[in-house]
Amino acid sequence: MKLKRQAAIMQIISQQDIKTQEELSEILARMGFETTQATISRDIKELRLVKVNSITGGYKYSAPAQSEDSGFLPRLRTIFKECVLNIQQAQNLVVINTITGMANAAAFAIDQLKIENIIGTIAGDDTILVILADNGHASAFCDTARKMLK
């Protein structure tokens, strides 16, 4: 449940300007996650979220830019592993099926991993489309993604 909740938090902050823990808690409750302020605080600490300037004014929660050894990337890999159900290649495109409602969190993880030759990702509710430079890079990405599931 913790990993699903944390994946949901990553999804929420990637889609909305979340300015307070209370606001985050309310959104999580609407998604079916009952939380306390202490739980939200621990999740923010574990995910290493930071407050950054919002274009709408004030501050919002955001995932920080991280280095490879920071401890943040392993957490993203875990979120990816917990969310992904299936990976399929179609030429230079990769379609990833996830648990319902978790595609944005898994796509966020892919984006943060800074994998070379990914042109972009598009996420729906339970499906991600990953666009790669060519068929060979798509095949290599599939291999990498499948290894992350183990």
N, C-alpha and C. Protein backbone atom coordinates (compact mmCIF):
# COMPACT_ATOMS: atom_id res chain seq x y z
N MET A 1 0.82 -1.19 0.00
CA MET A 1 0.00 0.00 0.00
C MET A 1 0.87 1.26 0.00
N LYS A 2 1.99 1.21 0.74
CA LYS A 2 2.87 2.37 0.82
C LYS A 2 3.41 2.75 -0.56
N LEU A 3 3.88 1.76 -1.33
CA LEU A 3 4.43 2.07 -2.64
C LEU A 3 3.36 2.60 -3.58
N LYS A 4 2.16 2.06 -3.50
CA LYS A 4 1.07 2.57 -4.34
C LYS A 4 0.73 4.00 -3.95
N ARG A 5 0.72 4.28 -2.65
CA ARG A 5 0.42 5.63 -2.18
C ARG A 5 1.52 6.59 -2.66
N GLN A 6 2.77 6.17 -2.54
CA GLN A 6 3.87 7.03 -2.96
C GLN A 6 3.86 7.23 -4.48
N ALA A 7 3.50 6.20 -5.21
CA ALA A 7 3.36 6.35 -6.67
C ALA A 7 2.24 7.35 -6.97
N ALA A 8 1.16 7.26 -6.23
CA ALA A 8 0.05 8.21 -6.42
C ALA A 8 0.50 9.64 -6.11
N ILE A 9 1.31 9.80 -5.07
CA ILE A 9 1.83 11.13 -4.74
C ILE A 9 2.66 11.68 -5.89
N MET A 10 3.52 10.85 -6.45
CA MET A 10 4.35 11.30 -7.59
C MET A 10 3.46 11.68 -8.77
N GLN A 11 2.41 10.91 -9.00
CA GLN A 11 1.48 11.21 -10.07
C GLN A 11 0.78 12.55 -9.80
N ILE A 12 0.31 12.73 -8.60
CA ILE A 12 -0.42 13.95 -8.24
C ILE A 12 0.46 15.18 -8.42
N ILE A 13 1.68 15.15 -7.89
CA ILE A 13 2.52 16.35 -7.98
C ILE A 13 3.01 16.62 -9.40
N SER A 14 2.98 15.59 -10.25
CA SER A 14 3.38 15.81 -11.64
C SER A 14 2.24 16.44 -12.45
N GLN A 15 1.00 16.35 -11.94
CA GLN A 15 -0.15 16.85 -12.67
C GLN A 15 -0.74 18.13 -12.09
N GLN A 16 -0.49 18.39 -10.80
CA GLN A 16 -1.12 19.51 -10.14
C GLN A 16 -0.11 20.26 -9.27
N ASP A 17 -0.40 21.53 -9.02
CA ASP A 17 0.38 22.30 -8.06
C ASP A 17 -0.16 22.01 -6.67
N ILE A 18 0.56 21.22 -5.91
CA ILE A 18 0.17 20.87 -4.55
C ILE A 18 1.01 21.73 -3.61
N LYS A 19 0.32 22.57 -2.84
CA LYS A 19 1.04 23.54 -2.01
C LYS A 19 1.13 23.12 -0.55
N THR A 20 0.24 22.25 -0.07
CA THR A 20 0.26 21.86 1.34
C THR A 20 0.08 20.36 1.50
N GLN A 21 0.50 19.86 2.65
CA GLN A 21 0.29 18.46 2.97
C GLN A 21 -1.20 18.15 3.09
N GLU A 22 -1.96 19.09 3.61
CA GLU A 22 -3.40 18.91 3.76
C GLU A 22 -4.06 18.73 2.39
N GLU A 23 -3.65 19.54 1.42
CA GLU A 23 -4.18 19.43 0.06
C GLU A 23 -3.84 18.06 -0.53
N LEU A 24 -2.62 17.62 -0.32
CA LEU A 24 -2.19 16.31 -0.81
C LEU A 24 -3.00 15.20 -0.14
N SER A 25 -3.20 15.32 1.15
CA SER A 25 -3.98 14.33 1.90
C SER A 25 -5.41 14.23 1.39
N GLU A 26 -6.03 15.37 1.08
CA GLU A 26 -7.41 15.38 0.58
C GLU A 26 -7.51 14.68 -0.77
N ILE A 27 -6.55 14.92 -1.64
CA ILE A 27 -6.56 14.29 -2.96
C ILE A 27 -6.34 12.78 -2.82
N LEU A 28 -5.42 12.40 -1.96
CA LEU A 28 -5.18 10.98 -1.72
C LEU A 28 -6.43 10.30 -1.17
N ALA A 29 -7.13 10.98 -0.27
CA ALA A 29 -8.37 10.42 0.29
C ALA A 29 -9.40 10.18 -0.81
N ARG A 30 -9.52 11.11 -1.75
CA ARG A 30 -10.46 10.93 -2.87
C ARG A 30 -10.05 9.75 -3.75
N MET A 31 -8.76 9.43 -3.74
CA MET A 31 -8.26 8.29 -4.52
C MET A 31 -8.35 6.98 -3.73
N GLY A 32 -8.82 7.06 -2.48
CA GLY A 32 -8.98 5.86 -1.68
C GLY A 32 -7.85 5.57 -0.70
N PHE A 33 -6.92 6.51 -0.55
CA PHE A 33 -5.81 6.35 0.40
C PHE A 33 -6.12 7.15 1.66
N GLU A 34 -6.37 6.44 2.74
CA GLU A 34 -6.57 7.12 4.03
C GLU A 34 -5.20 7.35 4.65
N THR A 35 -4.89 8.61 4.97
CA THR A 35 -3.57 8.95 5.48
C THR A 35 -3.69 9.87 6.69
N THR A 36 -2.59 9.98 7.39
CA THR A 36 -2.48 10.96 8.47
C THR A 36 -1.43 11.99 8.05
N GLN A 37 -1.35 13.06 8.79
CA GLN A 37 -0.34 14.08 8.49
C GLN A 37 1.05 13.48 8.64
N ALA A 38 1.24 12.62 9.63
CA ALA A 38 2.55 11.99 9.85
C ALA A 38 2.93 11.10 8.67
N THR A 39 1.96 10.37 8.12
CA THR A 39 2.22 9.51 6.96
C THR A 39 2.63 10.35 5.76
N ILE A 40 1.90 11.42 5.51
CA ILE A 40 2.22 12.31 4.38
C ILE A 40 3.62 12.89 4.58
N SER A 41 3.93 13.31 5.78
CA SER A 41 5.24 13.88 6.07
C SER A 41 6.35 12.86 5.81
N ARG A 42 6.15 11.62 6.23
CA ARG A 42 7.15 10.56 5.99
C ARG A 42 7.30 10.29 4.49
N ASP A 43 6.17 10.25 3.78
CA ASP A 43 6.24 10.01 2.33
C ASP A 43 7.01 11.13 1.63
N ILE A 44 6.75 12.36 2.02
CA ILE A 44 7.45 13.50 1.41
C ILE A 44 8.95 13.39 1.66
N LYS A 45 9.30 13.00 2.87
CA LYS A 45 10.72 12.84 3.22
C LYS A 45 11.34 11.70 2.42
N GLU A 46 10.68 10.53 2.37
CA GLU A 46 11.22 9.37 1.65
C GLU A 46 11.34 9.63 0.15
N LEU A 47 10.37 10.35 -0.41
CA LEU A 47 10.41 10.66 -1.84
C LEU A 47 11.32 11.85 -2.14
N ARG A 48 11.79 12.49 -1.07
CA ARG A 48 12.69 13.65 -1.17
C ARG A 48 12.08 14.79 -1.97
N LEU A 49 10.80 15.01 -1.75
CA LEU A 49 10.12 16.11 -2.43
C LEU A 49 10.62 17.43 -1.87
N VAL A 50 10.65 18.41 -2.72
CA VAL A 50 11.07 19.75 -2.33
C VAL A 50 9.99 20.74 -2.72
N LYS A 51 10.03 21.91 -2.11
CA LYS A 51 9.11 22.97 -2.49
C LYS A 51 9.84 23.88 -3.48
N VAL A 52 9.17 24.16 -4.58
CA VAL A 52 9.73 25.03 -5.61
C VAL A 52 8.70 26.11 -5.93
N ASN A 53 9.15 27.18 -6.57
CA ASN A 53 8.24 28.24 -6.97
C ASN A 53 7.22 27.71 -7.96
N SER A 54 5.97 28.09 -7.75
CA SER A 54 4.89 27.72 -8.66
C SER A 54 4.61 28.89 -9.59
N ILE A 55 4.28 28.60 -10.83
CA ILE A 55 3.97 29.69 -11.77
C ILE A 55 2.66 30.39 -11.39
N THR A 56 1.85 29.73 -10.54
CA THR A 56 0.60 30.34 -10.09
C THR A 56 0.80 31.14 -8.80
N GLY A 57 2.03 31.21 -8.32
CA GLY A 57 2.33 31.93 -7.09
C GLY A 57 2.54 30.99 -5.93
N GLY A 58 3.36 31.38 -4.99
CA GLY A 58 3.65 30.53 -3.84
C GLY A 58 4.58 29.40 -4.20
N TYR A 59 4.49 28.34 -3.40
CA TYR A 59 5.37 27.18 -3.59
C TYR A 59 4.53 25.92 -3.78
N LYS A 60 5.12 24.95 -4.45
CA LYS A 60 4.46 23.66 -4.66
C LYS A 60 5.47 22.55 -4.44
N TYR A 61 4.96 21.34 -4.21
CA TYR A 61 5.84 20.19 -4.07
C TYR A 61 6.31 19.73 -5.44
N SER A 62 7.58 19.29 -5.48
CA SER A 62 8.17 18.82 -6.73
C SER A 62 9.23 17.78 -6.41
N ALA A 63 9.45 16.90 -7.37
CA ALA A 63 10.56 15.95 -7.24
C ALA A 63 11.84 16.70 -7.59
N PRO A 64 12.88 16.53 -6.79
CA PRO A 64 14.12 17.25 -7.07
C PRO A 64 14.90 16.61 -8.20
N ALA A 65 15.76 17.38 -8.83
CA ALA A 65 16.71 16.82 -9.78
C ALA A 65 17.68 15.99 -8.95
N GLN A 66 17.93 14.76 -9.37
CA GLN A 66 18.71 13.85 -8.54
C GLN A 66 19.87 13.25 -9.30
N SER A 67 20.91 12.93 -8.57
CA SER A 67 22.04 12.20 -9.16
C SER A 67 21.78 10.70 -9.03
N GLU A 68 22.51 9.92 -9.76
CA GLU A 68 22.32 8.46 -9.82
C GLU A 68 22.47 7.79 -8.46
N ASP A 69 23.33 8.32 -7.60
CA ASP A 69 23.58 7.66 -6.32
C ASP A 69 22.75 8.21 -5.16
N SER A 70 21.74 8.97 -5.45
CA SER A 70 21.03 9.71 -4.41
C SER A 70 20.09 8.88 -3.56
N GLY A 71 19.69 7.71 -3.99
CA GLY A 71 18.69 6.97 -3.25
C GLY A 71 17.28 7.22 -3.78
N PHE A 72 17.11 8.29 -4.53
CA PHE A 72 15.81 8.62 -5.11
C PHE A 72 15.51 7.70 -6.30
N LEU A 73 16.50 7.45 -7.13
CA LEU A 73 16.29 6.63 -8.32
C LEU A 73 15.90 5.19 -7.97
N PRO A 74 16.49 4.58 -6.95
CA PRO A 74 16.00 3.23 -6.57
C PRO A 74 14.52 3.26 -6.18
N ARG A 75 14.08 4.30 -5.53
CA ARG A 75 12.67 4.41 -5.15
C ARG A 75 11.82 4.50 -6.41
N LEU A 76 12.26 5.26 -7.42
CA LEU A 76 11.51 5.35 -8.68
C LEU A 76 11.46 3.99 -9.37
N ARG A 77 12.55 3.26 -9.33
CA ARG A 77 12.55 1.93 -9.93
C ARG A 77 11.57 1.01 -9.22
N THR A 78 11.47 1.14 -7.91
CA THR A 78 10.52 0.34 -7.15
C THR A 78 9.09 0.70 -7.52
N ILE A 79 8.81 1.99 -7.63
CA ILE A 79 7.48 2.43 -8.04
C ILE A 79 7.15 1.87 -9.43
N PHE A 80 8.11 1.95 -10.35
CA PHE A 80 7.93 1.41 -11.69
C PHE A 80 7.61 -0.08 -11.62
N LYS A 81 8.39 -0.80 -10.85
CA LYS A 81 8.20 -2.25 -10.71
C LYS A 81 6.82 -2.60 -10.17
N GLU A 82 6.35 -1.84 -9.21
CA GLU A 82 5.05 -2.11 -8.58
C GLU A 82 3.87 -1.74 -9.48
N CYS A 83 4.06 -0.81 -10.40
CA CYS A 83 2.97 -0.31 -11.24
C CYS A 83 2.81 -1.06 -12.56
N VAL A 84 3.90 -1.54 -13.13
CA VAL A 84 3.89 -2.06 -14.50
C VAL A 84 3.42 -3.51 -14.55
N LEU A 85 2.52 -3.78 -15.51
CA LEU A 85 1.99 -5.12 -15.72
C LEU A 85 2.55 -5.79 -16.96
N ASN A 86 2.78 -4.99 -18.04
CA ASN A 86 3.19 -5.58 -19.31
C ASN A 86 3.96 -4.54 -20.13
N ILE A 87 4.92 -5.02 -20.94
CA ILE A 87 5.72 -4.16 -21.81
C ILE A 87 5.74 -4.80 -23.20
N GLN A 88 5.37 -4.01 -24.23
CA GLN A 88 5.35 -4.51 -25.60
C GLN A 88 6.01 -3.50 -26.54
N GLN A 89 6.78 -4.00 -27.49
CA GLN A 89 7.41 -3.14 -28.49
C GLN A 89 6.63 -3.22 -29.80
N ALA A 90 6.47 -2.07 -30.44
CA ALA A 90 5.90 -1.98 -31.78
C ALA A 90 6.80 -1.03 -32.57
N GLN A 91 7.79 -1.57 -33.23
CA GLN A 91 8.81 -0.81 -33.95
C GLN A 91 9.53 0.11 -32.98
N ASN A 92 9.49 1.43 -33.20
CA ASN A 92 10.21 2.34 -32.30
C ASN A 92 9.35 2.82 -31.13
N LEU A 93 8.19 2.20 -30.95
CA LEU A 93 7.27 2.55 -29.87
C LEU A 93 7.22 1.42 -28.85
N VAL A 94 7.09 1.79 -27.59
CA VAL A 94 6.92 0.79 -26.54
C VAL A 94 5.63 1.15 -25.79
N VAL A 95 4.76 0.16 -25.65
CA VAL A 95 3.52 0.34 -24.91
C VAL A 95 3.67 -0.39 -23.58
N ILE A 96 3.42 0.35 -22.51
CA ILE A 96 3.53 -0.21 -21.16
C ILE A 96 2.17 -0.14 -20.51
N ASN A 97 1.67 -1.29 -20.06
CA ASN A 97 0.40 -1.35 -19.34
C ASN A 97 0.69 -1.35 -17.85
N THR A 98 -0.10 -0.57 -17.10
CA THR A 98 0.10 -0.44 -15.66
C THR A 98 -1.19 -0.74 -14.91
N ILE A 99 -1.07 -0.77 -13.61
CA ILE A 99 -2.24 -0.83 -12.74
C ILE A 99 -3.06 0.43 -13.02
N THR A 100 -4.37 0.31 -13.00
CA THR A 100 -5.24 1.45 -13.28
C THR A 100 -4.89 2.62 -12.37
N GLY A 101 -4.72 3.79 -13.01
CA GLY A 101 -4.42 5.01 -12.29
C GLY A 101 -2.95 5.25 -12.03
N MET A 102 -2.08 4.35 -12.46
CA MET A 102 -0.67 4.47 -12.13
C MET A 102 0.24 4.76 -13.33
N ALA A 103 -0.33 4.95 -14.49
CA ALA A 103 0.51 5.19 -15.67
C ALA A 103 1.34 6.47 -15.53
N ASN A 104 0.75 7.52 -14.98
CA ASN A 104 1.50 8.77 -14.83
C ASN A 104 2.69 8.61 -13.89
N ALA A 105 2.50 7.87 -12.82
CA ALA A 105 3.60 7.64 -11.87
C ALA A 105 4.72 6.84 -12.54
N ALA A 106 4.37 5.81 -13.28
CA ALA A 106 5.39 5.00 -13.97
C ALA A 106 6.08 5.82 -15.06
N ALA A 107 5.32 6.64 -15.78
CA ALA A 107 5.92 7.50 -16.81
C ALA A 107 6.85 8.53 -16.17
N PHE A 108 6.45 9.07 -15.03
CA PHE A 108 7.31 9.99 -14.30
C PHE A 108 8.63 9.30 -13.95
N ALA A 109 8.55 8.06 -13.49
CA ALA A 109 9.76 7.30 -13.16
C ALA A 109 10.65 7.15 -14.39
N ILE A 110 10.05 6.80 -15.52
CA ILE A 110 10.83 6.66 -16.76
C ILE A 110 11.51 7.97 -17.11
N ASP A 111 10.76 9.06 -17.05
CA ASP A 111 11.32 10.38 -17.38
C ASP A 111 12.47 10.75 -16.46
N GLN A 112 12.34 10.47 -15.17
CA GLN A 112 13.37 10.83 -14.20
C GLN A 112 14.62 9.97 -14.33
N LEU A 113 14.48 8.77 -14.89
CA LEU A 113 15.64 7.90 -15.07
C LEU A 113 16.56 8.38 -16.19
N LYS A 114 16.09 9.33 -16.99
CA LYS A 114 16.91 9.95 -18.05
C LYS A 114 17.56 8.92 -18.96
N ILE A 115 16.74 7.99 -19.46
CA ILE A 115 17.22 6.95 -20.35
C ILE A 115 17.46 7.55 -21.73
N GLU A 116 18.64 7.29 -22.28
CA GLU A 116 19.00 7.85 -23.58
C GLU A 116 18.07 7.36 -24.69
N ASN A 117 17.90 8.18 -25.68
CA ASN A 117 17.17 7.89 -26.90
C ASN A 117 15.66 7.80 -26.73
N ILE A 118 15.15 8.19 -25.55
CA ILE A 118 13.70 8.32 -25.41
C ILE A 118 13.33 9.72 -25.88
N ILE A 119 12.49 9.77 -26.88
CA ILE A 119 12.05 11.06 -27.41
C ILE A 119 10.97 11.65 -26.52
N GLY A 120 10.10 10.78 -25.98
CA GLY A 120 9.06 11.27 -25.09
C GLY A 120 8.20 10.15 -24.56
N THR A 121 7.41 10.48 -23.54
CA THR A 121 6.45 9.54 -22.98
C THR A 121 5.09 10.22 -22.92
N ILE A 122 4.06 9.43 -23.13
CA ILE A 122 2.68 9.90 -23.01
C ILE A 122 1.96 8.89 -22.13
N ALA A 123 1.29 9.39 -21.08
CA ALA A 123 0.63 8.48 -20.15
C ALA A 123 -0.86 8.77 -20.09
N GLY A 124 -1.62 7.69 -20.07
CA GLY A 124 -3.05 7.78 -19.84
C GLY A 124 -3.34 7.30 -18.44
N ASP A 125 -4.42 6.58 -18.26
CA ASP A 125 -4.79 6.08 -16.94
C ASP A 125 -4.04 4.79 -16.60
N ASP A 126 -3.96 3.88 -17.59
CA ASP A 126 -3.30 2.60 -17.34
C ASP A 126 -2.36 2.19 -18.47
N THR A 127 -2.00 3.15 -19.32
CA THR A 127 -1.12 2.84 -20.46
C THR A 127 -0.14 3.99 -20.68
N ILE A 128 1.10 3.60 -20.99
CA ILE A 128 2.14 4.58 -21.33
C ILE A 128 2.63 4.27 -22.74
N LEU A 129 2.81 5.30 -23.54
CA LEU A 129 3.45 5.18 -24.83
C LEU A 129 4.82 5.82 -24.72
N VAL A 130 5.86 5.04 -24.96
CA VAL A 130 7.23 5.54 -24.93
C VAL A 130 7.72 5.58 -26.37
N ILE A 131 8.14 6.74 -26.81
CA ILE A 131 8.61 6.92 -28.19
C ILE A 131 10.13 6.99 -28.16
N LEU A 132 10.74 6.09 -28.93
CA LEU A 132 12.19 6.03 -28.99
C LEU A 132 12.70 6.39 -30.38
N ALA A 133 13.98 6.64 -30.45
CA ALA A 133 14.58 7.12 -31.69
C ALA A 133 14.46 6.12 -32.84
N ASP A 134 14.59 4.83 -32.56
CA ASP A 134 14.49 3.82 -33.61
C ASP A 134 14.17 2.46 -32.99
N ASN A 135 13.99 1.46 -33.84
CA ASN A 135 13.62 0.12 -33.37
C ASN A 135 14.66 -0.49 -32.43
N GLY A 136 15.94 -0.29 -32.74
CA GLY A 136 16.99 -0.85 -31.90
C GLY A 136 16.98 -0.27 -30.50
N HIS A 137 16.79 1.03 -30.40
CA HIS A 137 16.73 1.66 -29.09
C HIS A 137 15.46 1.24 -28.34
N ALA A 138 14.38 1.02 -29.08
CA ALA A 138 13.14 0.54 -28.45
C ALA A 138 13.35 -0.85 -27.86
N SER A 139 14.05 -1.70 -28.60
CA SER A 139 14.34 -3.05 -28.12
C SER A 139 15.22 -3.00 -26.87
N ALA A 140 16.23 -2.14 -26.89
CA ALA A 140 17.13 -2.00 -25.74
C ALA A 140 16.36 -1.46 -24.53
N PHE A 141 15.46 -0.51 -24.76
CA PHE A 141 14.66 0.03 -23.66
C PHE A 141 13.76 -1.07 -23.07
N CYS A 142 13.16 -1.89 -23.92
CA CYS A 142 12.32 -2.99 -23.43
C CYS A 142 13.13 -3.92 -22.54
N ASP A 143 14.36 -4.23 -22.95
CA ASP A 143 15.21 -5.09 -22.13
C ASP A 143 15.48 -4.45 -20.78
N THR A 144 15.82 -3.17 -20.79
CA THR A 144 16.09 -2.44 -19.54
C THR A 144 14.84 -2.41 -18.66
N ALA A 145 13.70 -2.09 -19.24
CA ALA A 145 12.46 -2.00 -18.48
C ALA A 145 12.07 -3.35 -17.89
N ARG A 146 12.24 -4.40 -18.67
CA ARG A 146 11.90 -5.75 -18.16
C ARG A 146 12.83 -6.15 -17.01
N LYS A 147 14.09 -5.73 -17.07
CA LYS A 147 15.02 -6.03 -15.97
C LYS A 147 14.60 -5.28 -14.71
N MET A 148 14.03 -4.09 -14.87
CA MET A 148 13.55 -3.32 -13.71
C MET A 148 12.37 -4.01 -13.03
N LEU A 149 11.68 -4.88 -13.76
CA LEU A 149 10.52 -5.58 -13.18
C LEU A 149 10.93 -6.77 -12.32
N LYS A 150 12.18 -7.18 -12.39
CA LYS A 150 12.64 -8.36 -11.66
C LYS A 150 13.10 -7.99 -10.26
